[in-house]
Amino acid sequence: MEDELNRAIQNVYKRDPTAVAVMVVDDSGLCLACDNGIPEEAAGLFASIVTRAEAVLPPGASQSDDSAALVQIEAGQFAVVIKQAYGVTMGIVKDKTRAATP
């Protein structure tokens, strides 16, 4: 499982050059994998944020993984994108000053 998580993290970096850190959290809020300085203690926060975001959606709005809530928090040059799908939550820290390639 660890190899799969590491591959998923590396795929984030390949697809998004603005990504600077990634965390993967299970449905209990425990850190499954993280890198580049995200503290493991943030795992519960990531899970809680996305769960609370889904709580404010209308009933049935996020019944599938494709329509699950996506939360973006911006602060200065950084953005944190958090989404839950397939029983895991992924948080990606992005540096908005890095150029995204088309």
PDB file of N, CA and C in Angstrom:
ATOM      1  N   MET A   1       0.817  -1.195   0.000  1.00  0.00           N
ATOM      2  CA  MET A   1       0.000   0.000   0.000  1.00  0.00           C
ATOM      3  C   MET A   1       0.864   1.263   0.000  1.00  0.00           C
ATOM      4  N   GLU A   2       1.979   1.198   0.699  1.00  0.00           N
ATOM      5  CA  GLU A   2       2.863   2.363   0.764  1.00  0.00           C
ATOM      6  C   GLU A   2       3.376   2.749  -0.619  1.00  0.00           C
ATOM      7  N   ASP A   3       3.709   1.749  -1.431  1.00  0.00           N
ATOM      8  CA  ASP A   3       4.171   2.035  -2.795  1.00  0.00           C
ATOM      9  C   ASP A   3       3.087   2.713  -3.615  1.00  0.00           C
ATOM     10  N   GLU A   4       1.830   2.257  -3.452  1.00  0.00           N
ATOM     11  CA  GLU A   4       0.714   2.876  -4.179  1.00  0.00           C
ATOM     12  C   GLU A   4       0.537   4.336  -3.769  1.00  0.00           C
ATOM     13  N   LEU A   5       0.656   4.600  -2.484  1.00  0.00           N
ATOM     14  CA  LEU A   5       0.520   5.973  -1.996  1.00  0.00           C
ATOM     15  C   LEU A   5       1.640   6.854  -2.528  1.00  0.00           C
ATOM     16  N   ASN A   6       2.849   6.328  -2.521  1.00  0.00           N
ATOM     17  CA  ASN A   6       3.977   7.104  -3.045  1.00  0.00           C
ATOM     18  C   ASN A   6       3.819   7.380  -4.538  1.00  0.00           C
ATOM     19  N   ARG A   7       3.303   6.400  -5.276  1.00  0.00           N
ATOM     20  CA  ARG A   7       3.037   6.620  -6.711  1.00  0.00           C
ATOM     21  C   ARG A   7       1.963   7.680  -6.908  1.00  0.00           C
ATOM     22  N   ALA A   8       0.922   7.646  -6.083  1.00  0.00           N
ATOM     23  CA  ALA A   8      -0.144   8.644  -6.186  1.00  0.00           C
ATOM     24  C   ALA A   8       0.400  10.044  -5.912  1.00  0.00           C
ATOM     25  N   ILE A   9       1.264  10.163  -4.916  1.00  0.00           N
ATOM     26  CA  ILE A   9       1.867  11.460  -4.602  1.00  0.00           C
ATOM     27  C   ILE A   9       2.742  11.928  -5.756  1.00  0.00           C
ATOM     28  N   GLN A  10       3.547  11.043  -6.300  1.00  0.00           N
ATOM     29  CA  GLN A  10       4.406  11.429  -7.419  1.00  0.00           C
ATOM     30  C   GLN A  10       3.584  11.828  -8.647  1.00  0.00           C
ATOM     31  N   ASN A  11       2.432  11.188  -8.845  1.00  0.00           N
ATOM     32  CA  ASN A  11       1.553  11.563  -9.954  1.00  0.00           C
ATOM     33  C   ASN A  11       1.009  12.980  -9.785  1.00  0.00           C
ATOM     34  N   VAL A  12       0.764  13.372  -8.547  1.00  0.00           N
ATOM     35  CA  VAL A  12       0.314  14.748  -8.298  1.00  0.00           C
ATOM     36  C   VAL A  12       1.372  15.721  -8.798  1.00  0.00           C
ATOM     37  N   TYR A  13       2.622  15.467  -8.455  1.00  0.00           N
ATOM     38  CA  TYR A  13       3.711  16.359  -8.872  1.00  0.00           C
ATOM     39  C   TYR A  13       3.892  16.373 -10.390  1.00  0.00           C
ATOM     40  N   LYS A  14       3.695  15.223 -11.017  1.00  0.00           N
ATOM     41  CA  LYS A  14       3.834  15.155 -12.477  1.00  0.00           C
ATOM     42  C   LYS A  14       2.729  15.946 -13.175  1.00  0.00           C
ATOM     43  N   ARG A  15       1.521  15.858 -12.641  1.00  0.00           N
ATOM     44  CA  ARG A  15       0.367  16.524 -13.266  1.00  0.00           C
ATOM     45  C   ARG A  15       0.275  18.007 -12.937  1.00  0.00           C
ATOM     46  N   ASP A  16       0.804  18.407 -11.797  1.00  0.00           N
ATOM     47  CA  ASP A  16       0.642  19.794 -11.363  1.00  0.00           C
ATOM     48  C   ASP A  16       1.976  20.359 -10.868  1.00  0.00           C
ATOM     49  N   PRO A  17       2.662  21.136 -11.714  1.00  0.00           N
ATOM     50  CA  PRO A  17       3.957  21.690 -11.309  1.00  0.00           C
ATOM     51  C   PRO A  17       3.862  22.733 -10.198  1.00  0.00           C
ATOM     52  N   THR A  18       2.650  23.176  -9.874  1.00  0.00           N
ATOM     53  CA  THR A  18       2.507  24.127  -8.768  1.00  0.00           C
ATOM     54  C   THR A  18       2.443  23.417  -7.419  1.00  0.00           C
ATOM     55  N   ALA A  19       2.280  22.092  -7.418  1.00  0.00           N
ATOM     56  CA  ALA A  19       2.204  21.324  -6.170  1.00  0.00           C
ATOM     57  C   ALA A  19       3.570  21.293  -5.493  1.00  0.00           C
ATOM     58  N   VAL A  20       3.591  21.620  -4.197  1.00  0.00           N
ATOM     59  CA  VAL A  20       4.848  21.606  -3.441  1.00  0.00           C
ATOM     60  C   VAL A  20       4.818  20.641  -2.254  1.00  0.00           C
ATOM     61  N   ALA A  21       3.627  20.172  -1.867  1.00  0.00           N
ATOM     62  CA  ALA A  21       3.511  19.219  -0.759  1.00  0.00           C
ATOM     63  C   ALA A  21       2.181  18.487  -0.884  1.00  0.00           C
ATOM     64  N   VAL A  22       2.163  17.232  -0.417  1.00  0.00           N
ATOM     65  CA  VAL A  22       0.963  16.403  -0.528  1.00  0.00           C
ATOM     66  C   VAL A  22       0.790  15.593   0.748  1.00  0.00           C
ATOM     67  N   MET A  23      -0.483  15.425   1.155  1.00  0.00           N
ATOM     68  CA  MET A  23      -0.802  14.559   2.289  1.00  0.00           C
ATOM     69  C   MET A  23      -1.998  13.689   1.919  1.00  0.00           C
ATOM     70  N   VAL A  24      -1.943  12.418   2.300  1.00  0.00           N
ATOM     71  CA  VAL A  24      -3.047  11.489   2.093  1.00  0.00           C
ATOM     72  C   VAL A  24      -3.506  11.012   3.472  1.00  0.00           C
ATOM     73  N   VAL A  25      -4.825  11.104   3.704  1.00  0.00           N
ATOM     74  CA  VAL A  25      -5.401  10.829   5.020  1.00  0.00           C
ATOM     75  C   VAL A  25      -6.506   9.785   4.876  1.00  0.00           C
ATOM     76  N   ASP A  26      -6.608   8.861   5.832  1.00  0.00           N
ATOM     77  CA  ASP A  26      -7.687   7.877   5.761  1.00  0.00           C
ATOM     78  C   ASP A  26      -8.986   8.455   6.315  1.00  0.00           C
ATOM     79  N   ASP A  27     -10.063   7.651   6.269  1.00  0.00           N
ATOM     80  CA  ASP A  27     -11.367   8.160   6.688  1.00  0.00           C
ATOM     81  C   ASP A  27     -11.484   8.377   8.193  1.00  0.00           C
ATOM     82  N   SER A  28     -10.486   7.948   8.949  1.00  0.00           N
ATOM     83  CA  SER A  28     -10.450   8.206  10.395  1.00  0.00           C
ATOM     84  C   SER A  28      -9.620   9.441  10.739  1.00  0.00           C
ATOM     85  N   GLY A  29      -9.037  10.078   9.730  1.00  0.00           N
ATOM     86  CA  GLY A  29      -8.219  11.266   9.962  1.00  0.00           C
ATOM     87  C   GLY A  29      -6.772  10.956  10.281  1.00  0.00           C
ATOM     88  N   LEU A  30      -6.336   9.732   9.987  1.00  0.00           N
ATOM     89  CA  LEU A  30      -4.944   9.358  10.240  1.00  0.00           C
ATOM     90  C   LEU A  30      -4.115   9.524   8.973  1.00  0.00           C
ATOM     91  N   CYS A  31      -2.912  10.016   9.128  1.00  0.00           N
ATOM     92  CA  CYS A  31      -2.021  10.238   7.991  1.00  0.00           C
ATOM     93  C   CYS A  31      -1.553   8.909   7.415  1.00  0.00           C
ATOM     94  N   LEU A  32      -1.805   8.736   6.119  1.00  0.00           N
ATOM     95  CA  LEU A  32      -1.311   7.549   5.428  1.00  0.00           C
ATOM     96  C   LEU A  32       0.025   7.819   4.761  1.00  0.00           C
ATOM     97  N   ALA A  33       0.196   9.045   4.267  1.00  0.00           N
ATOM     98  CA  ALA A  33       1.446   9.436   3.623  1.00  0.00           C
ATOM     99  C   ALA A  33       1.495  10.956   3.560  1.00  0.00           C
ATOM    100  N   CYS A  34       2.688  11.506   3.693  1.00  0.00           N
ATOM    101  CA  CYS A  34       2.866  12.944   3.536  1.00  0.00           C
ATOM    102  C   CYS A  34       4.322  13.206   3.167  1.00  0.00           C
ATOM    103  N   ASP A  35       4.526  14.382   2.565  1.00  0.00           N
ATOM    104  CA  ASP A  35       5.892  14.729   2.210  1.00  0.00           C
ATOM    105  C   ASP A  35       6.060  16.238   2.156  1.00  0.00           C
ATOM    106  N   ASN A  36       7.293  16.646   2.068  1.00  0.00           N
ATOM    107  CA  ASN A  36       7.680  18.047   1.887  1.00  0.00           C
ATOM    108  C   ASN A  36       7.171  18.994   2.958  1.00  0.00           C
ATOM    109  N   GLY A  37       7.194  18.522   4.199  1.00  0.00           N
ATOM    110  CA  GLY A  37       6.988  19.447   5.297  1.00  0.00           C
ATOM    111  C   GLY A  37       5.589  19.587   5.853  1.00  0.00           C
ATOM    112  N   ILE A  38       4.606  18.900   5.314  1.00  0.00           N
ATOM    113  CA  ILE A  38       3.288  18.951   5.946  1.00  0.00           C
ATOM    114  C   ILE A  38       3.373  18.111   7.219  1.00  0.00           C
ATOM    115  N   PRO A  39       3.097  18.704   8.370  1.00  0.00           N
ATOM    116  CA  PRO A  39       3.192  17.918   9.607  1.00  0.00           C
ATOM    117  C   PRO A  39       2.077  16.870   9.676  1.00  0.00           C
ATOM    118  N   GLU A  40       2.407  15.678  10.138  1.00  0.00           N
ATOM    119  CA  GLU A  40       1.416  14.604  10.247  1.00  0.00           C
ATOM    120  C   GLU A  40       0.226  15.014  11.096  1.00  0.00           C
ATOM    121  N   GLU A  41       0.436  15.931  12.032  1.00  0.00           N
ATOM    122  CA  GLU A  41      -0.640  16.390  12.901  1.00  0.00           C
ATOM    123  C   GLU A  41      -1.740  17.104  12.123  1.00  0.00           C
ATOM    124  N   ALA A  42      -1.465  17.533  10.900  1.00  0.00           N
ATOM    125  CA  ALA A  42      -2.452  18.217  10.073  1.00  0.00           C
ATOM    126  C   ALA A  42      -3.464  17.255   9.465  1.00  0.00           C
ATOM    127  N   ALA A  43      -3.218  15.964   9.547  1.00  0.00           N
ATOM    128  CA  ALA A  43      -4.093  14.974   8.916  1.00  0.00           C
ATOM    129  C   ALA A  43      -5.534  15.100   9.394  1.00  0.00           C
ATOM    130  N   GLY A  44      -5.728  15.183  10.685  1.00  0.00           N
ATOM    131  CA  GLY A  44      -7.077  15.310  11.236  1.00  0.00           C
ATOM    132  C   GLY A  44      -7.761  16.583  10.782  1.00  0.00           C
ATOM    133  N   LEU A  45      -6.982  17.659  10.651  1.00  0.00           N
ATOM    134  CA  LEU A  45      -7.544  18.923  10.177  1.00  0.00           C
ATOM    135  C   LEU A  45      -8.040  18.799   8.741  1.00  0.00           C
ATOM    136  N   PHE A  46      -7.241  18.175   7.889  1.00  0.00           N
ATOM    137  CA  PHE A  46      -7.644  18.009   6.491  1.00  0.00           C
ATOM    138  C   PHE A  46      -8.958  17.221   6.407  1.00  0.00           C
ATOM    139  N   ALA A  47      -9.037  16.120   7.141  1.00  0.00           N
ATOM    140  CA  ALA A  47     -10.246  15.288   7.123  1.00  0.00           C
ATOM    141  C   ALA A  47     -11.442  16.062   7.668  1.00  0.00           C
ATOM    142  N   SER A  48     -11.241  16.807   8.733  1.00  0.00           N
ATOM    143  CA  SER A  48     -12.320  17.576   9.342  1.00  0.00           C
ATOM    144  C   SER A  48     -12.820  18.683   8.421  1.00  0.00           C
ATOM    145  N   ILE A  49     -11.904  19.376   7.762  1.00  0.00           N
ATOM    146  CA  ILE A  49     -12.288  20.479   6.867  1.00  0.00           C
ATOM    147  C   ILE A  49     -13.185  19.971   5.749  1.00  0.00           C
ATOM    148  N   VAL A  50     -12.787  18.890   5.089  1.00  0.00           N
ATOM    149  CA  VAL A  50     -13.586  18.398   3.962  1.00  0.00           C
ATOM    150  C   VAL A  50     -14.914  17.811   4.440  1.00  0.00           C
ATOM    151  N   THR A  51     -14.929  17.192   5.602  1.00  0.00           N
ATOM    152  CA  THR A  51     -16.176  16.650   6.152  1.00  0.00           C
ATOM    153  C   THR A  51     -17.152  17.777   6.473  1.00  0.00           C
ATOM    154  N   ARG A  52     -16.660  18.848   7.056  1.00  0.00           N
ATOM    155  CA  ARG A  52     -17.523  19.994   7.381  1.00  0.00           C
ATOM    156  C   ARG A  52     -18.013  20.688   6.114  1.00  0.00           C
ATOM    157  N   ALA A  53     -17.194  20.738   5.090  1.00  0.00           N
ATOM    158  CA  ALA A  53     -17.616  21.338   3.830  1.00  0.00           C
ATOM    159  C   ALA A  53     -18.773  20.546   3.226  1.00  0.00           C
ATOM    160  N   GLU A  54     -18.696  19.236   3.293  1.00  0.00           N
ATOM    161  CA  GLU A  54     -19.774  18.410   2.762  1.00  0.00           C
ATOM    162  C   GLU A  54     -21.047  18.558   3.581  1.00  0.00           C
ATOM    163  N   ALA A  55     -20.923  18.888   4.863  1.00  0.00           N
ATOM    164  CA  ALA A  55     -22.097  19.042   5.723  1.00  0.00           C
ATOM    165  C   ALA A  55     -22.939  20.259   5.348  1.00  0.00           C
ATOM    166  N   VAL A  56     -22.348  21.245   4.702  1.00  0.00           N
ATOM    167  CA  VAL A  56     -23.120  22.439   4.337  1.00  0.00           C
ATOM    168  C   VAL A  56     -23.738  22.334   2.943  1.00  0.00           C
ATOM    169  N   LEU A  57     -23.428  21.273   2.207  1.00  0.00           N
ATOM    170  CA  LEU A  57     -24.023  21.070   0.890  1.00  0.00           C
ATOM    171  C   LEU A  57     -25.464  20.566   1.035  1.00  0.00           C
ATOM    172  N   PRO A  58     -26.296  20.816   0.031  1.00  0.00           N
ATOM    173  CA  PRO A  58     -27.672  20.288   0.089  1.00  0.00           C
ATOM    174  C   PRO A  58     -27.654  18.764   0.152  1.00  0.00           C
ATOM    175  N   PRO A  59     -28.688  18.164   0.741  1.00  0.00           N
ATOM    176  CA  PRO A  59     -28.744  16.698   0.833  1.00  0.00           C
ATOM    177  C   PRO A  59     -28.605  16.058  -0.551  1.00  0.00           C
ATOM    178  N   GLY A  60     -27.763  15.048  -0.643  1.00  0.00           N
ATOM    179  CA  GLY A  60     -27.570  14.322  -1.893  1.00  0.00           C
ATOM    180  C   GLY A  60     -26.601  14.977  -2.861  1.00  0.00           C
ATOM    181  N   ALA A  61     -26.060  16.155  -2.511  1.00  0.00           N
ATOM    182  CA  ALA A  61     -25.182  16.873  -3.437  1.00  0.00           C
ATOM    183  C   ALA A  61     -23.864  16.154  -3.669  1.00  0.00           C
ATOM    184  N   SER A  62     -23.378  15.434  -2.679  1.00  0.00           N
ATOM    185  CA  SER A  62     -22.086  14.759  -2.845  1.00  0.00           C
ATOM    186  C   SER A  62     -22.237  13.259  -2.637  1.00  0.00           C
ATOM    187  N   GLN A  63     -23.163  12.658  -3.371  1.00  0.00           N
ATOM    188  CA  GLN A  63     -23.415  11.228  -3.217  1.00  0.00           C
ATOM    189  C   GLN A  63     -22.370  10.359  -3.896  1.00  0.00           C
ATOM    190  N   SER A  64     -21.624  10.926  -4.836  1.00  0.00           N
ATOM    191  CA  SER A  64     -20.598  10.134  -5.511  1.00  0.00           C
ATOM    192  C   SER A  64     -19.241  10.789  -5.312  1.00  0.00           C
ATOM    193  N   ASP A  65     -18.187  10.020  -5.567  1.00  0.00           N
ATOM    194  CA  ASP A  65     -16.846  10.566  -5.416  1.00  0.00           C
ATOM    195  C   ASP A  65     -16.580  11.679  -6.422  1.00  0.00           C
ATOM    196  N   ASP A  66     -17.260  11.627  -7.574  1.00  0.00           N
ATOM    197  CA  ASP A  66     -17.063  12.663  -8.590  1.00  0.00           C
ATOM    198  C   ASP A  66     -17.646  14.011  -8.188  1.00  0.00           C
ATOM    199  N   SER A  67     -18.655  13.999  -7.317  1.00  0.00           N
ATOM    200  CA  SER A  67     -19.279  15.258  -6.925  1.00  0.00           C
ATOM    201  C   SER A  67     -18.972  15.639  -5.479  1.00  0.00           C
ATOM    202  N   ALA A  68     -17.946  15.046  -4.894  1.00  0.00           N
ATOM    203  CA  ALA A  68     -17.566  15.346  -3.518  1.00  0.00           C
ATOM    204  C   ALA A  68     -17.055  16.780  -3.406  1.00  0.00           C
ATOM    205  N   ALA A  69     -17.187  17.334  -2.222  1.00  0.00           N
ATOM    206  CA  ALA A  69     -16.749  18.704  -1.988  1.00  0.00           C
ATOM    207  C   ALA A  69     -15.242  18.837  -2.189  1.00  0.00           C
ATOM    208  N   LEU A  70     -14.854  19.968  -2.729  1.00  0.00           N
ATOM    209  CA  LEU A  70     -13.445  20.318  -2.879  1.00  0.00           C
ATOM    210  C   LEU A  70     -13.261  21.652  -2.159  1.00  0.00           C
ATOM    211  N   VAL A  71     -12.304  21.721  -1.252  1.00  0.00           N
ATOM    212  CA  VAL A  71     -12.067  22.924  -0.466  1.00  0.00           C
ATOM    213  C   VAL A  71     -10.728  23.509  -0.877  1.00  0.00           C
ATOM    214  N   GLN A  72     -10.706  24.825  -1.112  1.00  0.00           N
ATOM    215  CA  GLN A  72      -9.450  25.503  -1.413  1.00  0.00           C
ATOM    216  C   GLN A  72      -9.275  26.653  -0.430  1.00  0.00           C
ATOM    217  N   ILE A  73      -8.134  26.648   0.243  1.00  0.00           N
ATOM    218  CA  ILE A  73      -7.787  27.694   1.193  1.00  0.00           C
ATOM    219  C   ILE A  73      -6.591  28.436   0.626  1.00  0.00           C
ATOM    220  N   GLU A  74      -6.692  29.759   0.517  1.00  0.00           N
ATOM    221  CA  GLU A  74      -5.598  30.540  -0.042  1.00  0.00           C
ATOM    222  C   GLU A  74      -5.014  31.466   1.019  1.00  0.00           C
ATOM    223  N   ALA A  75      -3.688  31.561   1.002  1.00  0.00           N
ATOM    224  CA  ALA A  75      -2.965  32.458   1.903  1.00  0.00           C
ATOM    225  C   ALA A  75      -1.694  32.899   1.191  1.00  0.00           C
ATOM    226  N   GLY A  76      -1.664  34.165   0.797  1.00  0.00           N
ATOM    227  CA  GLY A  76      -0.499  34.678   0.095  1.00  0.00           C
ATOM    228  C   GLY A  76      -0.257  33.921  -1.191  1.00  0.00           C
ATOM    229  N   GLN A  77       0.963  33.450  -1.367  1.00  0.00           N
ATOM    230  CA  GLN A  77       1.305  32.751  -2.602  1.00  0.00           C
ATOM    231  C   GLN A  77       0.902  31.282  -2.584  1.00  0.00           C
ATOM    232  N   PHE A  78       0.356  30.806  -1.483  1.00  0.00           N
ATOM    233  CA  PHE A  78       0.033  29.387  -1.359  1.00  0.00           C
ATOM    234  C   PHE A  78      -1.468  29.128  -1.366  1.00  0.00           C
ATOM    235  N   ALA A  79      -1.835  27.965  -1.867  1.00  0.00           N
ATOM    236  CA  ALA A  79      -3.204  27.471  -1.817  1.00  0.00           C
ATOM    237  C   ALA A  79      -3.157  26.027  -1.353  1.00  0.00           C
ATOM    238  N   VAL A  80      -4.116  25.648  -0.524  1.00  0.00           N
ATOM    239  CA  VAL A  80      -4.247  24.266  -0.081  1.00  0.00           C
ATOM    240  C   VAL A  80      -5.561  23.751  -0.645  1.00  0.00           C
ATOM    241  N   VAL A  81      -5.493  22.679  -1.406  1.00  0.00           N
ATOM    242  CA  VAL A  81      -6.676  22.070  -2.010  1.00  0.00           C
ATOM    243  C   VAL A  81      -6.904  20.733  -1.308  1.00  0.00           C
ATOM    244  N   ILE A  82      -8.134  20.532  -0.820  1.00  0.00           N
ATOM    245  CA  ILE A  82      -8.456  19.319  -0.068  1.00  0.00           C
ATOM    246  C   ILE A  82      -9.702  18.687  -0.682  1.00  0.00           C
ATOM    247  N   LYS A  83      -9.624  17.390  -0.972  1.00  0.00           N
ATOM    248  CA  LYS A  83     -10.769  16.665  -1.516  1.00  0.00           C
ATOM    249  C   LYS A  83     -10.759  15.241  -0.990  1.00  0.00           C
ATOM    250  N   GLN A  84     -11.963  14.740  -0.760  1.00  0.00           N
ATOM    251  CA  GLN A  84     -12.113  13.364  -0.300  1.00  0.00           C
ATOM    252  C   GLN A  84     -12.733  12.537  -1.422  1.00  0.00           C
ATOM    253  N   ALA A  85     -12.159  11.392  -1.705  1.00  0.00           N
ATOM    254  CA  ALA A  85     -12.694  10.482  -2.712  1.00  0.00           C
ATOM    255  C   ALA A  85     -12.220   9.067  -2.407  1.00  0.00           C
ATOM    256  N   TYR A  86     -13.057   8.101  -2.679  1.00  0.00           N
ATOM    257  CA  TYR A  86     -12.715   6.690  -2.506  1.00  0.00           C
ATOM    258  C   TYR A  86     -12.221   6.377  -1.095  1.00  0.00           C
ATOM    259  N   GLY A  87     -12.780   7.057  -0.102  1.00  0.00           N
ATOM    260  CA  GLY A  87     -12.445   6.768   1.286  1.00  0.00           C
ATOM    261  C   GLY A  87     -11.172   7.400   1.809  1.00  0.00           C
ATOM    262  N   VAL A  88     -10.503   8.195   0.993  1.00  0.00           N
ATOM    263  CA  VAL A  88      -9.312   8.897   1.467  1.00  0.00           C
ATOM    264  C   VAL A  88      -9.444  10.388   1.163  1.00  0.00           C
ATOM    265  N   THR A  89      -8.737  11.175   1.936  1.00  0.00           N
ATOM    266  CA  THR A  89      -8.686  12.623   1.727  1.00  0.00           C
ATOM    267  C   THR A  89      -7.281  12.969   1.270  1.00  0.00           C
ATOM    268  N   MET A  90      -7.201  13.816   0.260  1.00  0.00           N
ATOM    269  CA  MET A  90      -5.897  14.253  -0.216  1.00  0.00           C
ATOM    270  C   MET A  90      -5.823  15.768  -0.073  1.00  0.00           C
ATOM    271  N   GLY A  91      -4.743  16.227   0.520  1.00  0.00           N
ATOM    272  CA  GLY A  91      -4.470  17.651   0.623  1.00  0.00           C
ATOM    273  C   GLY A  91      -3.232  17.977  -0.196  1.00  0.00           C
ATOM    274  N   ILE A  92      -3.345  18.993  -1.026  1.00  0.00           N
ATOM    275  CA  ILE A  92      -2.224  19.399  -1.875  1.00  0.00           C
ATOM    276  C   ILE A  92      -1.926  20.865  -1.611  1.00  0.00           C
ATOM    277  N   VAL A  93      -0.694  21.158  -1.245  1.00  0.00           N
ATOM    278  CA  VAL A  93      -0.260  22.542  -1.073  1.00  0.00           C
ATOM    279  C   VAL A  93       0.355  22.984  -2.391  1.00  0.00           C
ATOM    280  N   LYS A  94      -0.124  24.135  -2.890  1.00  0.00           N
ATOM    281  CA  LYS A  94       0.352  24.637  -4.167  1.00  0.00           C
ATOM    282  C   LYS A  94       0.991  26.008  -3.978  1.00  0.00           C
ATOM    283  N   ASP A  95       2.036  26.244  -4.750  1.00  0.00           N
ATOM    284  CA  ASP A  95       2.689  27.552  -4.799  1.00  0.00           C
ATOM    285  C   ASP A  95       2.175  28.245  -6.047  1.00  0.00           C
ATOM    286  N   LYS A  96       1.350  29.269  -5.867  1.00  0.00           N
ATOM    287  CA  LYS A  96       0.700  29.931  -6.999  1.00  0.00           C
ATOM    288  C   LYS A  96       1.688  30.712  -7.863  1.00  0.00           C
ATOM    289  N   THR A  97       2.915  30.933  -7.367  1.00  0.00           N
ATOM    290  CA  THR A  97       3.894  31.677  -8.162  1.00  0.00           C
ATOM    291  C   THR A  97       4.608  30.776  -9.165  1.00  0.00           C
ATOM    292  N   ARG A  98       4.478  29.458  -9.007  1.00  0.00           N
ATOM    293  CA  ARG A  98       5.062  28.536  -9.975  1.00  0.00           C
ATOM    294  C   ARG A  98       4.184  28.506 -11.217  1.00  0.00           C
ATOM    295  N   ALA A  99       4.794  28.504 -12.350  1.00  0.00           N
ATOM    296  CA  ALA A  99       4.038  28.492 -13.592  1.00  0.00           C
ATOM    297  C   ALA A  99       3.487  27.105 -13.868  1.00  0.00           C
ATOM    298  N   ALA A 100       2.194  27.043 -14.128  1.00  0.00           N
ATOM    299  CA  ALA A 100       1.583  25.780 -14.535  1.00  0.00           C
ATOM    300  C   ALA A 100       1.745  25.624 -16.036  1.00  0.00           C
ATOM    301  N   THR A 101       2.212  24.468 -16.448  1.00  0.00           N
ATOM    302  CA  THR A 101       2.386  24.226 -17.883  1.00  0.00           C
ATOM    303  C   THR A 101       1.086  23.676 -18.456  1.00  0.00           C
ATOM    304  N   PRO A 102       0.697  24.122 -19.646  1.00  0.00           N
ATOM    305  CA  PRO A 102      -0.561  23.650 -20.228  1.00  0.00           C
ATOM    306  C   PRO A 102      -0.512  22.194 -20.621  1.00  0.00           C
TER     307      PRO A 102
END
